[in-house]
C-alpha cells in the first residue's frame, strides 16, 4: 500500500498538469479564434486605408473555395478548412473577408511591392532591384584546388535545401566548413520567400513555385546535368518533388526529418499533415507555436508585424543584451521572411505538398534512386514515424535514427559526423557506377 501511495503522490503533479492543460486548452483556442476574427476586420480596413484596397484572406471556408483552387493549381485545402467557431458568424457586426477574393491574389506580375506590414529595410527589398529576372539567393562552394587538379572525373554537384523559417545558413554555418577538402561543388539555396531570396507578394508559394525557382536559380543557371540532393524538414518535400522531376539527373537523395504521412483513405493528406504537424495544443511550446502560426492567419500576421517587420531593431537589442557582435544564424533566420511567404509556404508546401509525395516517391521507387533518411530519436517537430513512412513507399531507402538528436541537432552538434556520412553516401554512388 505504501508503494502504491508513493507512486500516486509521485504522479500527482504530472496528472494535475495534464488535467489543467486539458481544461485550459480549448478555452485558449476559443479566445484565439475570436481574436483572429477581430484582426481580420482590423487588417482589412488598415489595408484599405494604407494601400487603397483590402488584402484577400482565407477566412471563409465555404464560399469561393473551388473557384480559387481551379485558377491556382497547388493551393492547399487547409487554407480554407481551418475551423473557427466565430468565422461564419456575423458577430457584433464583424464579417470576415471572403475567401473568394483570394482568387484575385494572382497575376502576371508575381513580384508586387512590399506590404505596409512587411519590413522595407535595404536587405529585405534588395531583391526588387533586379526587375522581372528574379533568382534565388544561392551560396556556392567550389571544390578544393587539390581535388580540382587531381585529374579526377568532372566535379559532382550537391544541392542543399533548408527547412521552414530557415535559410542557407543552416548549411554554410554547419556542414560546409566540414567539407573544406571536398571534391564536390556545393550549392546552398535560400528558398523562395526566405533568407535573402525574393519574397514576392503576389506569389502563392505553391510547391511548383518553389520547384521552378530552384530549377531556374540552380539547375539551369549552373547547367547541372547531375546532382545529389540534401534537404532538411520542409525542404525534403521540395527535394522529393525535384528528384522525381529529374530522376535521370539524380545521384542520391538525403532527407533529414521529412514530414511525410501515409494517407489513411478516410482523411485528406493535407489535413493529416496539418493536424499532425500543427496540432492545437498548449504543450509542448513547439506545438503551440506551430498551431498558433498555422491556424490563425491574422494573428500570425500580427506577430510578423511586430517581430519580422522590426527585425533590425530586435537584432540590435539582442546584441546589446548578449554582448555579442554576431547573432546565431537560427535567431536571424526566424525573422527573414514575410507573413505572406511563410503562411502560404506552410499550407501550400508542407500541407498541400502531402498530396504530391506518393506519386513522387513511386517514381523514386521505380528508378531505384539512392535514398537515405536521417532523423533524431527526440524529434518533437516531425514525428519519427515519418522517416519509416518513406521506407514503406521506397523499400530500398535506408533509414538512420540518431539517438538523442532532435529536429535541429540531427545536424547541429554533430557536423563532422554528418559531413562524413554525406561524403560516404556520395562516394558510394560514384563507386557503384564507376
Protein backbone atom coordinates (compact mmCIF):
# COMPACT_ATOMS: atom_id res chain seq x y z
CA UNK A 1 0.00 0.00 0.00
CA UNK A 2 2.87 2.37 0.84
CA UNK A 3 4.44 1.78 -2.55
CA UNK A 4 1.16 2.43 -4.31
CA UNK A 5 0.63 5.62 -2.30
CA UNK A 6 4.17 6.79 -3.10
CA UNK A 7 3.62 6.12 -6.78
CA UNK A 8 0.35 8.03 -6.64
CA UNK A 9 1.96 11.01 -4.93
CA UNK A 10 4.82 10.94 -7.41
CA UNK A 11 2.46 11.06 -10.38
CA UNK A 12 0.17 13.69 -8.83
CA UNK A 13 1.99 16.79 -10.21
CA UNK A 14 2.07 15.47 -13.79
CA UNK A 15 -1.54 14.27 -13.62
CA UNK A 16 -2.62 17.65 -12.29
CA UNK A 17 -0.72 19.46 -15.05
CA UNK A 18 -2.31 17.24 -17.70
CA UNK A 19 -5.77 17.91 -16.27
CA UNK A 20 -5.24 21.68 -16.16
CA UNK A 21 -3.94 21.73 -19.74
CA UNK A 22 -6.91 19.66 -20.93
CA UNK A 23 -9.28 22.18 -19.34
CA UNK A 24 -7.45 25.35 -20.38
CA UNK A 25 -6.51 24.18 -23.90
CA UNK A 26 -9.94 24.55 -25.58
CA UNK A 27 -10.60 27.86 -23.79
CA UNK A 28 -7.34 29.36 -25.05
CA UNK A 29 -8.02 28.37 -28.64
CA UNK A 30 -11.58 29.71 -28.48
CA UNK A 31 -10.12 33.06 -27.41
CA UNK A 32 -7.60 32.87 -30.27
CA UNK A 33 -10.46 32.10 -32.69
CA UNK A 34 -12.20 35.28 -31.59
CA UNK A 35 -9.05 37.42 -31.75
CA UNK A 36 -8.29 36.19 -35.27
CA UNK A 37 -11.75 37.28 -36.45
CA UNK A 38 -11.24 40.70 -34.84
CA UNK A 39 -7.85 41.10 -36.51
CA UNK A 40 -9.33 40.03 -39.84
CA UNK A 41 -11.52 43.14 -39.75
CA UNK A 42 -8.67 45.32 -38.49
CA UNK A 43 -6.26 44.32 -41.26
CA UNK A 44 -8.96 44.64 -43.91
CA UNK A 45 -9.62 48.27 -43.01
CA UNK A 46 -5.92 49.01 -42.40
CA UNK A 47 -5.05 47.64 -45.85
CA UNK A 48 -7.80 49.70 -47.47
CA UNK A 49 -6.59 52.85 -45.73
CA UNK A 50 -2.86 52.35 -46.30
CA UNK A 51 -2.84 50.58 -49.68
CA UNK A 52 -6.13 51.62 -51.30
CA UNK A 53 -7.64 48.13 -51.23
CA UNK A 54 -8.02 45.29 -48.79
CA UNK A 55 -5.69 42.30 -48.93
CA UNK A 56 -7.53 39.00 -49.63
CA UNK A 57 -7.54 36.41 -46.89
CA UNK A 58 -8.88 32.87 -46.40
CA UNK A 59 -11.38 33.42 -43.61
CA UNK A 60 -14.41 31.91 -45.33
CA UNK A 61 -14.14 28.13 -45.71
CA UNK A 62 -17.20 27.58 -47.89
CA UNK A 63 -17.57 30.42 -50.38
CA UNK A 64 -15.38 30.55 -53.45
CA UNK A 65 -13.05 27.75 -52.46
CA UNK A 66 -13.41 25.73 -55.65
CA UNK A 67 -13.08 28.83 -57.82
CA UNK A 68 -9.76 29.71 -56.20
CA UNK A 69 -8.39 26.18 -56.49
CA UNK A 70 -9.38 25.91 -60.15
CA UNK A 71 -7.41 29.02 -61.01
CA UNK A 72 -4.44 28.21 -58.76
CA UNK A 73 -3.20 24.64 -59.01
CA UNK A 74 -1.29 23.75 -55.87
CA UNK A 75 -3.49 25.65 -53.43
CA UNK A 76 -3.96 23.62 -50.24
CA UNK A 77 -7.38 22.79 -48.82
CA UNK A 78 -6.01 23.66 -45.39
CA UNK A 79 -6.08 27.35 -46.27
CA UNK A 80 -9.87 27.12 -46.29
CA UNK A 81 -10.59 24.20 -43.98
CA UNK A 82 -9.33 25.70 -40.72
CA UNK A 83 -12.31 25.62 -38.36
CA UNK A 84 -13.03 28.74 -36.30
CA UNK A 85 -16.11 28.90 -34.07
CA UNK A 86 -16.61 32.59 -34.90
CA UNK A 87 -15.65 32.60 -38.57
CA UNK A 88 -19.11 32.03 -40.03
CA UNK A 89 -20.82 34.34 -37.57
CA UNK A 90 -21.57 37.99 -38.18
CA UNK A 91 -20.76 38.55 -34.55
CA UNK A 92 -21.26 42.14 -33.36
CA UNK A 93 -21.22 43.25 -36.97
CA UNK A 94 -17.89 41.56 -37.71
CA UNK A 95 -17.87 39.97 -41.15
CA UNK A 96 -14.67 38.19 -42.20
CA UNK A 97 -13.29 38.78 -45.69
CA UNK A 98 -14.50 36.31 -48.31
CA UNK A 99 -12.13 33.56 -49.38
CA UNK A 100 -13.36 34.04 -52.96
CA UNK A 101 -11.31 37.22 -53.03
CA UNK A 102 -8.17 35.12 -52.65
CA UNK A 103 -8.54 34.08 -56.28
CA UNK A 104 -7.53 37.63 -57.11
CA UNK A 105 -4.24 37.11 -55.36
CA UNK A 106 -2.54 36.23 -58.61
CA UNK A 107 -1.44 38.00 -61.75
CA UNK A 108 1.22 38.29 -64.38
CA UNK A 109 3.20 40.50 -62.01
CA UNK A 110 4.48 37.99 -59.48
CA UNK A 111 6.80 40.46 -57.81
CA UNK A 112 4.47 43.13 -56.47
CA UNK A 113 5.50 45.54 -53.76
CA UNK A 114 6.08 45.14 -50.07
CA UNK A 115 3.11 45.38 -47.75
CA UNK A 116 2.85 48.17 -45.21
CA UNK A 117 3.13 45.49 -42.52
CA UNK A 118 6.32 44.00 -44.01
CA UNK A 119 9.90 45.09 -43.44
CA UNK A 120 11.21 47.57 -46.01
CA UNK A 121 14.86 47.69 -44.93
CA UNK A 122 17.58 47.67 -47.60
CA UNK A 123 18.24 43.96 -47.12
CA UNK A 124 14.60 42.87 -47.33
CA UNK A 125 13.82 44.82 -50.52
CA UNK A 126 17.18 44.44 -52.28
CA UNK A 127 15.77 41.62 -54.42
CA UNK A 128 13.35 44.06 -56.08
CA UNK A 129 16.17 45.85 -57.90
CA UNK A 130 16.56 43.06 -60.47
CA UNK A 131 13.16 43.58 -62.08
CA UNK A 132 11.44 40.56 -63.59
CA UNK A 133 14.54 38.35 -63.78
CA UNK A 134 14.41 37.15 -60.19
CA UNK A 135 16.54 34.29 -58.91
CA UNK A 136 17.04 32.72 -55.53
CA UNK A 137 19.98 33.59 -53.33
CA UNK A 138 22.47 30.75 -53.78
CA UNK A 139 25.77 30.23 -51.93
CA UNK A 140 28.27 28.24 -54.00
CA UNK A 141 31.27 26.47 -52.50
CA UNK A 142 33.76 25.29 -55.09
CA UNK A 143 35.74 22.06 -54.57
CA UNK A 144 39.20 22.46 -53.09
CA UNK A 145 42.01 23.23 -55.54
CA UNK A 146 43.75 19.97 -54.77
CA UNK A 147 40.75 18.00 -55.92
CA UNK A 148 40.28 20.17 -58.99
CA UNK A 149 43.82 19.49 -60.16
CA UNK A 150 43.84 15.79 -59.37
CA UNK A 151 42.75 14.75 -62.84
CA UNK A 152 39.65 13.03 -61.47
CA UNK A 153 36.34 12.94 -63.35
CA UNK A 154 34.22 16.08 -63.60
CA UNK A 155 33.10 17.63 -60.32
CA UNK A 156 29.94 16.28 -58.73
CA UNK A 157 27.28 18.78 -57.63
CA UNK A 158 25.30 18.83 -54.39
CA UNK A 159 22.19 20.97 -53.80
CA UNK A 160 21.20 21.74 -50.19
CA UNK A 161 17.64 22.78 -49.31
CA UNK A 162 16.73 24.14 -45.87
CA UNK A 163 13.52 23.77 -43.88
CA UNK A 164 10.78 26.14 -42.74
CA UNK A 165 11.83 29.52 -41.23
CA UNK A 166 15.43 28.79 -42.12
CA UNK A 167 17.96 29.68 -44.82
CA UNK A 168 21.19 28.60 -46.49
CA UNK A 169 22.92 29.47 -43.19
CA UNK A 170 21.77 26.08 -41.94
CA UNK A 171 24.33 24.53 -44.28
CA UNK A 172 27.00 27.21 -44.73
CA UNK A 173 27.44 27.65 -40.97
CA UNK A 174 27.49 23.96 -40.10
CA UNK A 175 28.23 21.42 -42.84
CA UNK A 176 30.17 23.47 -45.39
CA UNK A 177 33.15 24.14 -43.06
CA UNK A 178 33.45 20.39 -42.50
CA UNK A 179 33.57 19.78 -46.26
CA UNK A 180 36.57 22.03 -46.79
CA UNK A 181 38.62 19.43 -48.68
CA UNK A 182 35.65 18.06 -50.59
CA UNK A 183 35.80 17.29 -54.29
CA UNK A 184 32.15 18.24 -54.56
CA UNK A 185 30.67 21.56 -55.68
CA UNK A 186 28.13 22.65 -53.08
CA UNK A 187 25.04 24.81 -53.62
CA UNK A 188 23.11 26.12 -50.60
CA UNK A 189 19.81 27.74 -51.52
CA UNK A 190 17.64 30.33 -49.78
CA UNK A 191 14.19 29.10 -50.75
CA UNK A 192 11.63 31.49 -52.23
CA UNK A 193 10.35 33.87 -49.55
CA UNK A 194 13.11 33.17 -47.02
CA UNK A 195 16.58 34.46 -46.16
CA UNK A 196 17.95 36.74 -48.88
CA UNK A 197 15.79 35.31 -51.66
CA UNK A 198 12.87 37.16 -53.30
CA UNK A 199 9.68 37.48 -51.27
CA UNK A 200 7.11 38.35 -53.96
CA UNK A 201 3.79 39.48 -52.59
CA UNK A 202 1.63 38.16 -55.44
CA UNK A 203 3.11 34.66 -55.41
CA UNK A 204 1.13 31.90 -53.68
CA UNK A 205 4.27 29.91 -52.80
CA UNK A 206 2.99 26.59 -54.08
CA UNK A 207 5.23 23.55 -54.32
CA UNK A 208 5.53 24.21 -58.05
CA UNK A 209 6.58 27.83 -57.42
CA UNK A 210 9.42 26.66 -55.18
CA UNK A 211 10.35 23.90 -57.59
CA UNK A 212 10.56 26.22 -60.60
CA UNK A 213 12.72 28.73 -58.73
CA UNK A 214 15.22 26.06 -57.62
CA UNK A 215 15.42 24.81 -61.21
CA UNK A 216 15.82 28.33 -62.60
CA UNK A 217 18.34 29.52 -59.99
CA UNK A 218 20.50 26.40 -59.65
CA UNK A 219 19.96 23.64 -62.21
CA UNK A 220 19.51 25.89 -65.25
CA UNK A 221 21.69 28.76 -64.02
CA UNK A 222 24.71 26.48 -63.47
CA UNK A 223 23.88 23.95 -66.22
CA UNK A 224 23.78 20.99 -63.86
CA UNK A 225 23.33 17.68 -65.64
CA UNK A 226 23.66 15.61 -62.47
CA UNK A 227 23.41 16.34 -58.77
CA UNK A 228 22.99 14.99 -55.26
CA UNK A 229 20.22 16.42 -53.08
CA UNK A 230 20.35 17.05 -49.33
CA UNK A 231 17.31 18.52 -47.57
CA UNK A 232 16.01 19.19 -44.08
CA UNK A 233 12.40 19.16 -42.87
CA UNK A 234 10.13 21.13 -45.25
CA UNK A 235 12.97 21.20 -47.79
CA UNK A 236 12.52 17.41 -48.08
CA UNK A 237 9.16 17.90 -49.77
CA UNK A 238 10.71 20.16 -52.41
CA UNK A 239 13.69 17.82 -52.77
CA UNK A 240 11.46 14.76 -53.32
CA UNK A 241 9.48 16.62 -55.98
CA UNK A 242 12.70 17.84 -57.62
CA UNK A 243 14.19 14.35 -57.57
CA UNK A 244 11.05 12.87 -59.12
CA UNK A 245 11.07 15.52 -61.85
CA UNK A 246 14.75 14.84 -62.68
CA UNK A 247 15.23 11.12 -61.90
CA UNK A 248 17.86 10.67 -64.61
CA UNK A 249 19.95 13.53 -63.22
CA UNK A 250 19.68 12.48 -59.59
CA UNK A 251 22.72 10.85 -57.98
CA UNK A 252 21.39 10.50 -54.43
CA UNK A 253 18.75 11.95 -52.14
CA UNK A 254 19.41 12.52 -48.43
CA UNK A 255 16.37 13.52 -46.38
CA UNK A 256 16.61 14.79 -42.82
CA UNK A 257 13.35 14.61 -40.84
CA UNK A 258 11.00 14.50 -43.84
CA UNK A 259 7.38 15.48 -42.91
CA UNK A 260 5.71 12.65 -44.84
CA UNK A 261 2.50 10.99 -43.66
CA UNK A 262 0.78 7.94 -45.12
CA UNK A 263 -2.75 8.53 -46.37
CA UNK A 264 -5.38 6.59 -44.43
CA UNK A 265 -8.07 6.62 -47.12
CA UNK A 266 -10.51 8.42 -44.82
CA UNK A 267 -8.87 11.80 -44.47
CA UNK A 268 -7.27 14.18 -46.95
CA UNK A 269 -3.44 14.01 -46.90
CA UNK A 270 -3.21 17.77 -46.40
CA UNK A 271 -5.49 17.65 -43.38
CA UNK A 272 -3.45 14.81 -41.89
CA UNK A 273 -0.28 16.88 -42.22
CA UNK A 274 -1.98 19.94 -40.70
CA UNK A 275 -3.25 18.05 -37.68
CA UNK A 276 -0.05 16.11 -37.06
CA UNK A 277 2.40 18.98 -37.53
CA UNK A 278 0.28 21.81 -36.10
CA UNK A 279 -1.97 20.10 -33.57
CA UNK A 280 -3.86 22.61 -31.42
CA UNK A 281 -2.11 22.12 -28.11
CA UNK A 282 -0.63 24.40 -25.44
CA UNK A 283 2.12 21.90 -24.65
CA UNK A 284 4.85 21.39 -25.65
CA UNK A 285 5.69 25.00 -26.62
CA UNK A 286 6.80 23.95 -30.11
CA UNK A 287 3.35 22.52 -30.79
CA UNK A 288 1.63 25.66 -29.55
CA UNK A 289 3.87 27.88 -31.70
CA UNK A 290 3.22 25.75 -34.78
CA UNK A 291 -0.55 25.70 -34.26
CA UNK A 292 -0.69 29.44 -33.49
CA UNK A 293 1.12 30.43 -36.70
CA UNK A 294 -0.60 27.82 -38.89
CA UNK A 295 -4.25 28.04 -37.86
CA UNK A 296 -4.51 31.80 -37.33
CA UNK A 297 -3.82 33.83 -40.45
CA UNK A 298 -4.27 37.28 -38.88
CA UNK A 299 -2.71 36.55 -35.50
CA UNK A 300 0.31 35.26 -37.40
CA UNK A 301 0.42 38.44 -39.47
CA UNK A 302 0.27 40.48 -36.27
CA UNK A 303 3.26 38.59 -34.84
CA UNK A 304 5.20 39.15 -38.08
CA UNK A 305 4.27 42.84 -37.98
CA UNK A 306 5.80 43.14 -34.50
CA UNK A 307 8.79 40.84 -34.95
CA UNK A 308 9.75 40.39 -38.62
CA UNK A 309 9.00 43.95 -39.68
CA UNK A 310 11.27 45.22 -36.93
CA UNK A 311 13.94 42.52 -37.14
CA UNK A 312 16.80 45.03 -37.28
CA UNK A 313 15.67 46.61 -34.02
CA UNK A 314 15.27 43.26 -32.31
CA UNK A 315 18.69 42.16 -33.55
CA UNK A 316 20.29 45.30 -32.11
CA UNK A 317 18.55 44.69 -28.78
CA UNK A 318 19.69 41.06 -28.67
CA UNK A 319 23.26 42.05 -29.50
CA UNK A 320 23.20 44.60 -26.66
CA UNK A 321 21.71 42.15 -24.17
CA UNK A 322 24.01 39.25 -25.09
CA UNK A 323 27.05 41.49 -25.62
CA UNK A 324 27.73 39.73 -28.91
CA UNK A 325 28.61 41.38 -32.22
CA UNK A 326 27.16 38.46 -34.21
CA UNK A 327 23.92 36.64 -33.50
CA UNK A 328 23.35 32.95 -34.02
CA UNK A 329 22.01 32.32 -37.52
CA UNK A 330 19.00 30.47 -36.08
CA UNK A 331 17.81 33.71 -34.48
CA UNK A 332 18.33 35.72 -37.67
CA UNK A 333 16.55 33.18 -39.86
CA UNK A 334 13.38 33.29 -37.75
CA UNK A 335 12.61 36.82 -38.94
CA UNK A 336 13.89 36.81 -42.54
CA UNK A 337 10.56 36.19 -44.23
CA UNK A 338 7.19 37.86 -44.72
CA UNK A 339 3.97 36.62 -43.24
CA UNK A 340 2.67 36.10 -46.78
CA UNK A 341 5.60 33.87 -47.77
CA UNK A 342 5.63 31.86 -44.54
CA UNK A 343 1.85 31.45 -44.37
CA UNK A 344 1.45 30.20 -47.93
CA UNK A 345 4.56 28.03 -47.85
CA UNK A 346 3.37 26.33 -44.67
CA UNK A 347 0.00 25.48 -46.19
CA UNK A 348 0.79 25.04 -49.88
CA UNK A 349 4.09 23.16 -49.48
CA UNK A 350 4.07 21.38 -46.13
CA UNK A 351 0.34 20.58 -46.10
CA UNK A 352 -0.60 20.80 -49.77
CA UNK A 353 2.59 19.05 -50.86
CA UNK A 354 1.49 15.98 -48.91
CA UNK A 355 -0.78 15.07 -51.82
CA UNK A 356 2.16 15.07 -54.23
CA UNK A 357 4.50 12.87 -52.23
CA UNK A 358 3.02 9.47 -53.11
CA UNK A 359 3.44 9.77 -56.91
CA UNK A 360 6.88 11.33 -56.46
CA UNK A 361 8.07 8.56 -54.16
CA UNK A 362 6.65 6.00 -56.58
CA UNK A 363 8.93 7.42 -59.29
CA UNK A 364 11.92 7.14 -56.96
CA UNK A 365 10.96 3.56 -56.15
CA UNK A 366 10.74 2.61 -59.82
CA UNK A 367 14.05 4.25 -60.71
CA UNK A 368 15.72 2.66 -57.66
CA UNK A 369 17.09 6.02 -56.57
CA UNK A 370 19.63 6.08 -53.73
CA UNK A 371 17.52 7.45 -50.85
CA UNK A 372 18.83 7.92 -47.30
CA UNK A 373 16.60 9.15 -44.48
CA UNK A 374 18.06 10.51 -41.24
CA UNK A 375 16.12 11.65 -38.17
CA UNK A 376 16.72 12.26 -34.48
CA UNK A 377 15.05 9.95 -31.96
CA UNK A 378 13.97 13.01 -29.91
CA UNK A 379 12.45 15.00 -32.79
CA UNK A 380 9.44 16.94 -31.41
CA UNK A 381 8.63 18.73 -34.67
CA UNK A 382 8.29 15.88 -37.18
CA UNK A 383 7.10 12.51 -35.79
CA UNK A 384 9.69 9.75 -36.10
CA UNK A 385 7.18 7.62 -37.98
CA UNK A 386 7.58 9.94 -40.99
CA UNK A 387 11.02 8.52 -41.77
CA UNK A 388 9.69 4.98 -41.66
CA UNK A 389 6.80 6.04 -43.89
CA UNK A 390 9.29 6.93 -46.62
CA UNK A 391 10.69 3.41 -46.45
CA UNK A 392 7.17 1.98 -46.80
CA UNK A 393 6.90 3.75 -50.17
CA UNK A 394 10.56 3.28 -51.16
CA UNK A 395 11.66 -0.09 -49.72
CA UNK A 396 15.25 0.38 -50.87
CA UNK A 397 15.58 3.56 -48.80
CA UNK A 398 17.98 3.46 -45.87
CA UNK A 399 16.66 4.88 -42.58
CA UNK A 400 19.05 6.02 -39.87
CA UNK A 401 17.82 7.13 -36.42
CA UNK A 402 20.26 9.27 -34.43
CA UNK A 403 19.81 8.54 -30.72
CA UNK A 404 19.32 11.63 -28.58
CA UNK A 405 19.14 14.05 -31.51
CA UNK A 406 16.17 16.33 -32.14
CA UNK A 407 14.92 18.29 -35.16
CA UNK A 408 17.93 20.64 -35.20
CA UNK A 409 20.67 18.59 -33.55
CA UNK A 410 20.29 15.90 -36.18
CA UNK A 411 22.67 18.32 -37.97
CA UNK A 412 23.97 20.80 -35.40
CA UNK A 413 26.35 19.47 -32.79
CA UNK A 414 27.33 16.54 -35.00
CA UNK A 415 28.55 18.43 -38.05
CA UNK A 416 31.71 16.39 -38.56
CA UNK A 417 29.92 13.08 -38.32
CA UNK A 418 27.14 14.28 -40.61
CA UNK A 419 29.57 15.65 -43.22
CA UNK A 420 31.49 12.36 -43.18
CA UNK A 421 28.27 10.39 -43.66
CA UNK A 422 27.30 12.59 -46.61
CA UNK A 423 30.62 12.04 -48.35
CA UNK A 424 30.33 8.29 -47.80
CA UNK A 425 26.91 8.34 -49.49
CA UNK A 426 28.15 10.42 -52.41
CA UNK A 427 31.32 8.35 -52.83
CA UNK A 428 29.42 5.06 -52.69
CA UNK A 429 27.21 6.23 -55.57
CA UNK A 430 30.26 7.19 -57.64
CA UNK A 431 31.99 3.87 -56.89
CA UNK A 432 28.87 1.85 -57.69
CA UNK A 433 28.55 3.49 -61.10
CA UNK A 434 32.26 3.54 -61.71
